[in-house]
Amino acid sequence: MTAPAAFRHDPVKSVLAGSADGSHDWGAEPAVCGYRKLTYDNRTLGKTINVPVSASPAVVSGLGVVVAADDGFVRLFDAPLRREFWRRRLDSSIYASVVVDQADRTLVVAATSGQLQCVDLRGTLVWSAHAEGQICATPVVTDKSRVLVVPIFPGRCLGIAVDTGTIVFDREVPAPWYAAHGGVAGHRDPYASPLPTPDGGAIVCAGETVLSLDADGGQVWRRDVDAGIKASPVFARATGEVIAFTTAGQCVFLDAATGRVNGVLELGTKITASPAVSGDVIAVGGQGNVSYGVDSIRREVRWRSDQCAPKSYTSFTVLPNGDFVAVNERGNVVCLERAGGRFRWESSQVLGLVDHEPAMDTTPVAAPDGNMYCASYDGDVYRFLFKPIPGNHHVE
């Protein structure tokens, strides 16, 4: 059975395993082995317009990649990005990342308008729902209760039965303190993605507050942390703790069952990018291109790296071998070794194309079949292939 998601871009939320999985050299720089430009021909203006990609894709190992873009289209491409199998259109742009449901092998896509669609791998609609508000944060499926938890701008959280699309709960969550004082961005919250709890509920960070909700949306506990939260929380399985990350540079370690504060680690840098967990190490990126490896058991910094920090409001994620990757401020994917934070590799997208800007913007998604996908606001979608280890198969 697949373990529940432990962080925002946990591969369990974005990768469906397949029969083509093999062994690859994850410690060496992958190569661009597929490229696609998403464009729109505007007849009124008489010009071709690039279609930005803001959402991180979802990968189906052995089949291809699902890309959702700002034109509202969701597309399934083959692995090399040469063939488009199908496309569906939602009613507005798509910002939240595509989420996979491991149990039913379906995909959930959320538009900024509040429209949600669940589709199967053939692109057939399973259900559709609509939230009264804007969806920008990436939802999560709670394994035990089978509820899709969706943060909504402004100040709400929706629970949807992932099998049927039925709304289970719709509740308010705390707003940032400045929302009541004319804060211009006060409506853009909750921004952090929820986290499933072992009992079928969810952890929701909103304003300056961490909430634990049960499967029906009822409050289990509430903890105010006295600073804004933009990064998504993580779950440390080794300790049973939820860790929240604040814009004041704090890692707040909370007992997942009670909300009790077990410790606070000061990193001294603003945190807006979402961390990732690999084993007992949490990779946290701060402002100034600095990253830390936090020991989740000792609650202390194990390593520091000045080589890589995720772009603001993006995320760390993990490769199949457990190392951390993220898109840095240069727009390249950078890999840091899990145990000591050692630099492993940095990607290159210099392809010799005319008017091509190689910088990427989304969080990368890597699958066990050796493929990794990432995209940009300029409409570029890249397929990176890790070098296969001899004697193992891979997808062409």
Protein backbone atom coordinates (compact mmCIF):
# COMPACT_ATOMS: atom_id res chain seq x y z
CA MET A 1 0.00 0.00 0.00
CA THR A 2 1.31 3.46 -0.90
CA ALA A 3 2.15 5.70 2.06
CA PRO A 4 0.18 8.97 2.35
CA ALA A 5 1.74 12.16 1.00
CA ALA A 6 4.23 13.68 3.45
CA PHE A 7 4.91 16.99 1.66
CA ARG A 8 3.56 19.26 -1.06
CA HIS A 9 5.24 17.66 -4.06
CA ASP A 10 5.51 14.14 -2.72
CA PRO A 11 5.73 11.82 -5.76
CA VAL A 12 2.74 9.88 -4.40
CA LYS A 13 0.69 12.95 -5.46
CA SER A 14 2.20 13.23 -8.95
CA VAL A 15 3.48 9.84 -10.16
CA LEU A 16 1.61 6.67 -11.10
CA ALA A 17 4.01 3.74 -11.31
CA GLY A 18 3.99 1.51 -14.39
CA SER A 19 5.52 -1.57 -15.97
CA ALA A 20 8.41 0.32 -17.58
CA ASP A 21 10.16 1.18 -14.32
CA GLY A 22 13.87 0.33 -14.34
CA SER A 23 17.24 1.31 -12.85
CA HIS A 24 18.86 4.62 -13.67
CA ASP A 25 21.81 6.72 -12.58
CA TRP A 26 20.01 9.35 -10.50
CA GLY A 27 23.31 10.85 -9.35
CA ALA A 28 24.35 12.08 -12.81
CA GLU A 29 22.89 15.00 -14.77
CA PRO A 30 19.97 13.91 -16.97
CA ALA A 31 19.68 14.96 -20.60
CA VAL A 32 16.83 16.71 -22.40
CA CYS A 33 15.34 13.94 -24.57
CA GLY A 34 12.01 15.56 -25.35
CA TYR A 35 10.73 19.11 -25.82
CA ARG A 36 7.36 20.65 -26.59
CA LYS A 37 6.24 24.26 -26.95
CA LEU A 38 2.63 25.02 -26.03
CA THR A 39 1.21 27.79 -28.21
CA TYR A 40 -2.10 29.33 -29.20
CA ASP A 41 -2.86 30.81 -32.62
CA ASN A 42 -4.79 34.04 -31.98
CA ARG A 43 -6.66 34.88 -35.19
CA THR A 44 -7.80 38.26 -33.88
CA LEU A 45 -4.27 39.44 -33.25
CA GLY A 46 -2.85 37.43 -36.12
CA LYS A 47 -0.04 36.02 -34.00
CA THR A 48 1.01 32.90 -32.13
CA ILE A 49 1.06 33.23 -28.34
CA ASN A 50 2.98 31.07 -25.90
CA VAL A 51 0.81 29.29 -23.34
CA PRO A 52 2.35 29.51 -19.86
CA VAL A 53 2.55 26.38 -17.72
CA SER A 54 2.21 27.19 -14.01
CA ALA A 55 1.15 23.76 -12.72
CA SER A 56 3.59 20.93 -12.12
CA PRO A 57 2.71 17.91 -14.30
CA ALA A 58 1.77 14.36 -13.35
CA VAL A 59 3.66 11.37 -14.74
CA VAL A 60 2.27 7.96 -15.64
CA SER A 61 5.33 5.70 -15.81
CA GLY A 62 5.47 3.80 -19.07
CA LEU A 63 2.74 5.92 -20.66
CA GLY A 64 3.52 9.62 -20.59
CA VAL A 65 2.94 12.91 -18.83
CA VAL A 66 -0.17 14.97 -18.02
CA VAL A 67 0.35 18.71 -18.52
CA ALA A 68 -2.15 21.34 -17.37
CA ALA A 69 -1.65 24.87 -18.69
CA ASP A 70 -2.89 28.43 -18.35
CA ASP A 71 -5.15 28.03 -21.39
CA GLY A 72 -7.32 25.67 -19.28
CA PHE A 73 -6.35 22.58 -21.27
CA VAL A 74 -5.20 19.33 -19.72
CA ARG A 75 -3.17 17.21 -22.14
CA LEU A 76 -1.75 13.70 -22.02
CA PHE A 77 1.47 13.38 -24.03
CA ASP A 78 3.54 10.28 -24.66
CA ALA A 79 6.84 10.04 -22.77
CA PRO A 80 9.02 11.79 -25.44
CA LEU A 81 6.39 14.59 -25.82
CA ARG A 82 5.93 13.78 -29.52
CA ARG A 83 2.31 12.61 -29.48
CA GLU A 84 -0.76 14.09 -27.81
CA PHE A 85 -3.16 11.31 -26.77
CA TRP A 86 -6.00 13.54 -25.58
CA ARG A 87 -6.91 16.93 -24.23
CA ARG A 88 -9.71 18.29 -22.04
CA ARG A 89 -10.57 21.88 -21.29
CA LEU A 90 -11.57 23.43 -17.98
CA ASP A 91 -13.27 26.81 -17.80
CA SER A 92 -10.21 28.86 -16.76
CA SER A 93 -6.46 28.78 -16.27
CA ILE A 94 -4.84 26.04 -14.17
CA TYR A 95 -2.32 26.98 -11.47
CA ALA A 96 -2.55 24.14 -8.93
CA SER A 97 -0.54 21.03 -9.77
CA VAL A 98 -2.23 17.95 -11.22
CA VAL A 99 -2.94 15.40 -8.46
CA VAL A 100 -3.09 11.64 -8.99
CA ASP A 101 -5.34 9.28 -7.03
CA GLN A 102 -3.27 6.15 -6.52
CA ALA A 103 -6.21 3.94 -5.57
CA ASP A 104 -8.37 4.57 -8.66
CA ARG A 105 -5.52 5.66 -10.98
CA THR A 106 -7.33 8.84 -11.86
CA LEU A 107 -6.28 12.50 -12.15
CA VAL A 108 -7.73 15.54 -10.38
CA VAL A 109 -7.31 18.96 -11.98
CA ALA A 110 -8.39 22.25 -10.40
CA ALA A 111 -8.92 25.52 -12.31
CA THR A 112 -8.45 28.96 -10.80
CA SER A 113 -12.21 29.57 -11.22
CA GLY A 114 -12.99 26.85 -8.68
CA GLN A 115 -13.89 24.16 -11.22
CA LEU A 116 -12.56 20.68 -10.42
CA GLN A 117 -12.52 17.67 -12.71
CA CYS A 118 -11.56 14.05 -12.06
CA VAL A 119 -10.63 12.13 -15.22
CA ASP A 120 -9.32 8.66 -15.95
CA LEU A 121 -6.20 7.90 -17.97
CA ARG A 122 -8.24 7.94 -21.21
CA GLY A 123 -9.32 11.51 -20.49
CA THR A 124 -12.91 10.47 -19.70
CA LEU A 125 -14.68 12.58 -17.09
CA VAL A 126 -15.34 10.74 -13.83
CA TRP A 127 -16.90 13.69 -11.98
CA SER A 128 -16.96 17.46 -11.91
CA ALA A 129 -17.43 19.84 -8.99
CA HIS A 130 -17.25 23.57 -8.38
CA ALA A 131 -15.95 25.57 -5.45
CA GLU A 132 -17.13 29.12 -4.82
CA GLY A 133 -13.72 30.73 -4.87
CA GLN A 134 -10.28 30.60 -6.46
CA ILE A 135 -8.05 27.51 -6.39
CA CYS A 136 -4.30 28.08 -6.50
CA ALA A 137 -2.89 25.75 -3.84
CA THR A 138 -2.44 22.09 -4.74
CA PRO A 139 -5.07 19.79 -3.15
CA VAL A 140 -4.35 16.45 -1.50
CA VAL A 141 -6.18 13.12 -1.19
CA THR A 142 -6.50 11.66 2.31
CA ASP A 143 -5.91 7.94 1.99
CA LYS A 144 -8.02 6.62 4.87
CA SER A 145 -11.15 8.77 4.36
CA ARG A 146 -10.77 9.23 0.55
CA VAL A 147 -11.43 12.97 0.79
CA LEU A 148 -9.86 15.52 -1.56
CA VAL A 149 -8.93 18.53 0.60
CA VAL A 150 -8.87 21.77 -1.40
CA PRO A 151 -7.75 25.20 -0.10
CA ILE A 152 -9.88 28.02 -1.53
CA PHE A 153 -9.15 31.76 -1.83
CA PRO A 154 -10.22 33.57 0.25
CA GLY A 155 -10.11 31.82 3.62
CA ARG A 156 -11.90 28.51 3.06
CA CYS A 157 -11.25 24.81 2.76
CA LEU A 158 -13.33 22.29 0.84
CA GLY A 159 -13.57 18.53 1.28
CA ILE A 160 -14.73 16.43 -1.70
CA ALA A 161 -15.27 12.66 -1.83
CA VAL A 162 -12.62 11.71 -4.39
CA ASP A 163 -14.64 8.73 -5.65
CA THR A 164 -17.86 10.64 -6.42
CA GLY A 165 -17.18 14.38 -6.40
CA THR A 166 -19.69 14.92 -3.57
CA ILE A 167 -18.88 17.84 -1.28
CA VAL A 168 -18.20 16.51 2.23
CA PHE A 169 -17.45 19.80 3.97
CA ASP A 170 -16.98 23.48 3.22
CA ARG A 171 -15.60 25.56 6.06
CA GLU A 172 -13.85 28.82 6.83
CA VAL A 173 -10.24 28.87 7.97
CA PRO A 174 -8.35 31.71 9.72
CA ALA A 175 -7.38 34.64 7.52
CA PRO A 176 -4.04 36.50 7.70
CA TRP A 177 -4.14 39.24 10.31
CA TYR A 178 -3.88 41.97 7.65
CA ALA A 179 -6.98 40.80 5.78
CA ALA A 180 -9.10 42.74 8.30
CA HIS A 181 -7.05 45.91 7.76
CA GLY A 182 -7.20 46.35 4.01
CA GLY A 183 -4.27 44.11 3.15
CA VAL A 184 -4.21 44.05 -0.65
CA ALA A 185 -3.10 40.40 -0.75
CA GLY A 186 -5.21 39.34 2.22
CA HIS A 187 -7.54 37.34 -0.01
CA ARG A 188 -4.71 35.14 -1.38
CA ASP A 189 -4.82 32.61 1.43
CA PRO A 190 -4.59 29.74 2.31
CA TYR A 191 -1.65 29.34 -0.05
CA ALA A 192 -0.01 26.26 1.47
CA SER A 193 -1.08 22.80 0.34
CA PRO A 194 -2.80 20.57 2.95
CA LEU A 195 -1.24 17.48 4.46
CA PRO A 196 -3.11 14.22 5.14
CA THR A 197 -3.11 12.85 8.69
CA PRO A 198 -2.91 9.13 9.55
CA ASP A 199 -6.52 9.09 10.82
CA GLY A 200 -8.02 10.39 7.55
CA GLY A 201 -8.07 14.10 8.35
CA ALA A 202 -5.84 16.91 7.13
CA ILE A 203 -3.46 19.60 8.32
CA VAL A 204 -4.33 23.00 6.86
CA CYS A 205 -2.10 26.07 7.26
CA ALA A 206 -3.95 29.38 6.94
CA GLY A 207 -2.88 32.87 7.92
CA GLU A 208 -0.67 32.41 10.96
CA THR A 209 -2.44 29.23 12.06
CA VAL A 210 -2.01 25.47 11.76
CA LEU A 211 -5.30 23.54 11.87
CA SER A 212 -5.90 19.83 12.21
CA LEU A 213 -9.24 18.82 10.68
CA ASP A 214 -11.03 15.49 10.85
CA ALA A 215 -12.48 13.76 7.78
CA ASP A 216 -15.72 15.78 8.13
CA GLY A 217 -13.94 19.13 8.36
CA GLY A 218 -14.29 19.46 12.13
CA GLN A 219 -11.46 21.05 14.09
CA VAL A 220 -9.29 18.58 16.02
CA TRP A 221 -6.78 21.17 17.21
CA ARG A 222 -5.51 24.66 16.36
CA ARG A 223 -2.07 26.18 16.87
CA ASP A 224 -1.18 29.83 16.24
CA VAL A 225 2.48 30.33 15.27
CA ASP A 226 2.63 34.17 15.24
CA ALA A 227 3.97 34.44 11.69
CA GLY A 228 2.65 33.97 8.18
CA ILE A 229 2.73 30.55 6.51
CA LYS A 230 3.22 30.31 2.75
CA ALA A 231 5.25 27.09 2.56
CA SER A 232 3.38 23.80 2.85
CA PRO A 233 3.84 21.69 6.00
CA VAL A 234 5.52 18.29 6.08
CA PHE A 235 4.94 15.10 8.05
CA ALA A 236 7.90 13.38 9.70
CA ARG A 237 7.03 9.69 9.93
CA ALA A 238 10.03 8.99 12.18
CA THR A 239 8.59 11.17 14.97
CA GLY A 240 4.88 11.48 14.16
CA GLU A 241 5.25 15.25 13.96
CA VAL A 242 3.88 17.90 11.64
CA ILE A 243 6.39 20.65 10.85
CA ALA A 244 5.14 24.09 9.83
CA PHE A 245 7.46 26.67 8.22
CA THR A 246 6.95 30.40 8.69
CA THR A 247 7.95 33.53 6.83
CA ALA A 248 9.86 34.44 10.01
CA GLY A 249 12.25 31.58 9.30
CA GLN A 250 11.01 29.12 11.90
CA CYS A 251 10.47 25.37 11.69
CA VAL A 252 7.75 24.60 14.24
CA PHE A 253 7.58 20.94 15.30
CA LEU A 254 4.04 19.95 16.32
CA ASP A 255 2.66 16.72 17.71
CA ALA A 256 0.37 15.48 14.93
CA ALA A 257 -2.25 14.15 17.36
CA THR A 258 -2.48 17.08 19.79
CA GLY A 259 -0.84 20.13 18.17
CA ARG A 260 1.57 20.47 21.11
CA VAL A 261 4.74 22.39 20.22
CA ASN A 262 7.67 19.99 20.65
CA GLY A 263 10.34 22.37 19.42
CA VAL A 264 11.18 25.39 17.27
CA LEU A 265 14.22 25.65 14.99
CA GLU A 266 15.30 29.14 13.87
CA LEU A 267 16.78 29.19 10.36
CA GLY A 268 17.13 32.97 10.13
CA THR A 269 15.79 33.32 6.60
CA LYS A 270 12.33 33.84 5.13
CA ILE A 271 10.69 30.59 4.00
CA THR A 272 8.18 30.69 1.14
CA ALA A 273 9.20 27.60 -0.86
CA SER A 274 7.76 24.29 0.30
CA PRO A 275 10.11 21.67 1.83
CA ALA A 276 10.36 17.94 1.15
CA VAL A 277 11.12 14.92 3.35
CA SER A 278 13.44 12.04 2.53
CA GLY A 279 14.03 9.55 5.32
CA ASP A 280 14.77 11.58 8.45
CA VAL A 281 15.97 14.67 6.52
CA ILE A 282 13.83 17.66 5.60
CA ALA A 283 15.16 19.91 2.81
CA VAL A 284 14.16 23.54 3.44
CA GLY A 285 14.94 26.42 1.08
CA GLY A 286 15.15 30.03 2.22
CA GLN A 287 15.63 33.43 0.64
CA GLY A 288 19.15 34.09 -0.65
CA ASN A 289 19.60 30.75 -2.43
CA VAL A 290 20.42 28.88 0.77
CA SER A 291 19.03 25.48 1.71
CA TYR A 292 19.17 23.46 4.89
CA GLY A 293 18.91 19.77 5.64
CA VAL A 294 16.99 19.55 8.90
CA ASP A 295 17.28 16.40 11.01
CA SER A 296 13.65 15.59 11.83
CA ILE A 297 14.60 13.49 14.86
CA ARG A 298 17.15 15.81 16.48
CA ARG A 299 15.35 18.96 15.27
CA GLU A 300 18.62 20.56 14.20
CA VAL A 301 20.40 21.55 11.00
CA ARG A 302 22.34 18.61 9.59
CA TRP A 303 23.70 20.38 6.52
CA ARG A 304 23.63 23.69 4.66
CA SER A 305 24.00 24.30 0.93
CA ASP A 306 24.54 27.56 -0.92
CA GLN A 307 24.17 25.76 -4.27
CA CYS A 308 20.42 25.47 -4.43
CA ALA A 309 17.19 26.78 -3.04
CA PRO A 310 13.84 26.49 -4.80
CA LYS A 311 12.36 29.53 -6.46
CA SER A 312 9.99 31.34 -4.14
CA TYR A 313 6.63 29.57 -3.84
CA THR A 314 7.87 26.46 -5.65
CA SER A 315 9.03 23.28 -3.86
CA PHE A 316 11.66 20.73 -3.18
CA THR A 317 10.78 17.19 -4.23
CA VAL A 318 12.65 13.87 -4.18
CA LEU A 319 14.06 11.52 -6.79
CA PRO A 320 13.43 7.77 -6.65
CA ASN A 321 16.83 7.35 -4.95
CA GLY A 322 15.88 9.79 -2.16
CA ASP A 323 17.97 12.81 -3.20
CA PHE A 324 16.38 16.26 -3.32
CA VAL A 325 15.70 18.31 -6.46
CA ALA A 326 14.24 21.76 -7.10
CA VAL A 327 14.22 24.49 -9.74
CA ASN A 328 16.55 27.26 -8.58
CA GLU A 329 16.46 30.99 -9.31
CA ARG A 330 18.46 30.40 -12.52
CA GLY A 331 15.61 28.23 -13.77
CA ASN A 332 17.58 24.97 -13.74
CA VAL A 333 16.88 21.78 -11.82
CA VAL A 334 19.52 21.26 -9.12
CA CYS A 335 20.06 18.03 -7.18
CA LEU A 336 21.37 17.82 -3.60
CA GLU A 337 22.42 14.57 -1.97
CA ARG A 338 20.08 13.64 0.87
CA ALA A 339 22.47 12.75 3.68
CA GLY A 340 24.97 15.60 3.45
CA GLY A 341 23.53 18.16 1.03
CA ARG A 342 26.37 17.64 -1.44
CA PHE A 343 25.82 19.07 -4.93
CA ARG A 344 25.11 16.27 -7.40
CA TRP A 345 24.16 17.93 -10.69
CA GLU A 346 22.46 20.89 -12.39
CA SER A 347 20.37 20.62 -15.55
CA SER A 348 20.85 22.44 -18.84
CA GLN A 349 18.10 23.36 -21.29
CA VAL A 350 20.28 25.16 -23.83
CA LEU A 351 18.92 23.57 -27.02
CA GLY A 352 20.11 25.98 -29.72
CA LEU A 353 16.58 27.08 -30.60
CA VAL A 354 15.67 30.54 -31.88
CA ASP A 355 14.13 32.87 -29.26
CA HIS A 356 14.28 30.14 -26.65
CA GLU A 357 14.45 31.08 -22.97
CA PRO A 358 15.74 27.99 -21.13
CA ALA A 359 14.71 28.94 -17.59
CA MET A 360 12.01 26.75 -16.03
CA ASP A 361 9.46 27.66 -13.38
CA THR A 362 7.53 24.62 -12.12
CA THR A 363 8.59 22.01 -9.59
CA PRO A 364 10.08 19.01 -11.45
CA VAL A 365 8.43 15.58 -11.30
CA ALA A 366 10.58 12.45 -11.64
CA ALA A 367 9.27 8.91 -12.17
CA PRO A 368 10.86 5.47 -11.63
CA ASP A 369 10.97 4.91 -15.41
CA GLY A 370 13.85 7.42 -15.63
CA ASN A 371 11.83 10.36 -16.92
CA MET A 372 11.63 13.78 -15.28
CA TYR A 373 9.39 16.60 -16.50
CA CYS A 374 9.44 20.32 -15.87
CA ALA A 375 7.91 23.37 -17.58
CA SER A 376 8.03 27.15 -17.82
CA TYR A 377 5.88 30.25 -17.96
CA ASP A 378 7.02 30.58 -21.59
CA GLY A 379 5.13 27.41 -22.51
CA ASP A 380 8.15 25.11 -22.68
CA VAL A 381 7.73 21.50 -21.52
CA TYR A 382 10.87 19.40 -21.07
CA ARG A 383 11.45 15.68 -20.77
CA PHE A 384 14.71 14.80 -19.04
CA LEU A 385 16.00 11.23 -19.19
CA PHE A 386 18.36 9.78 -16.59
CA LYS A 387 21.05 7.46 -17.91
CA PRO A 388 19.80 3.85 -17.80
CA ILE A 389 21.94 1.34 -15.97
CA PRO A 390 22.96 -1.45 -18.41
CA GLY A 391 20.70 -4.46 -18.34
CA ASN A 392 17.57 -2.47 -17.43
CA HIS A 393 14.85 -1.22 -19.73
CA HIS A 394 13.55 2.32 -20.06
CA VAL A 395 10.99 4.31 -21.99
CA GLU A 396 11.93 5.80 -25.36
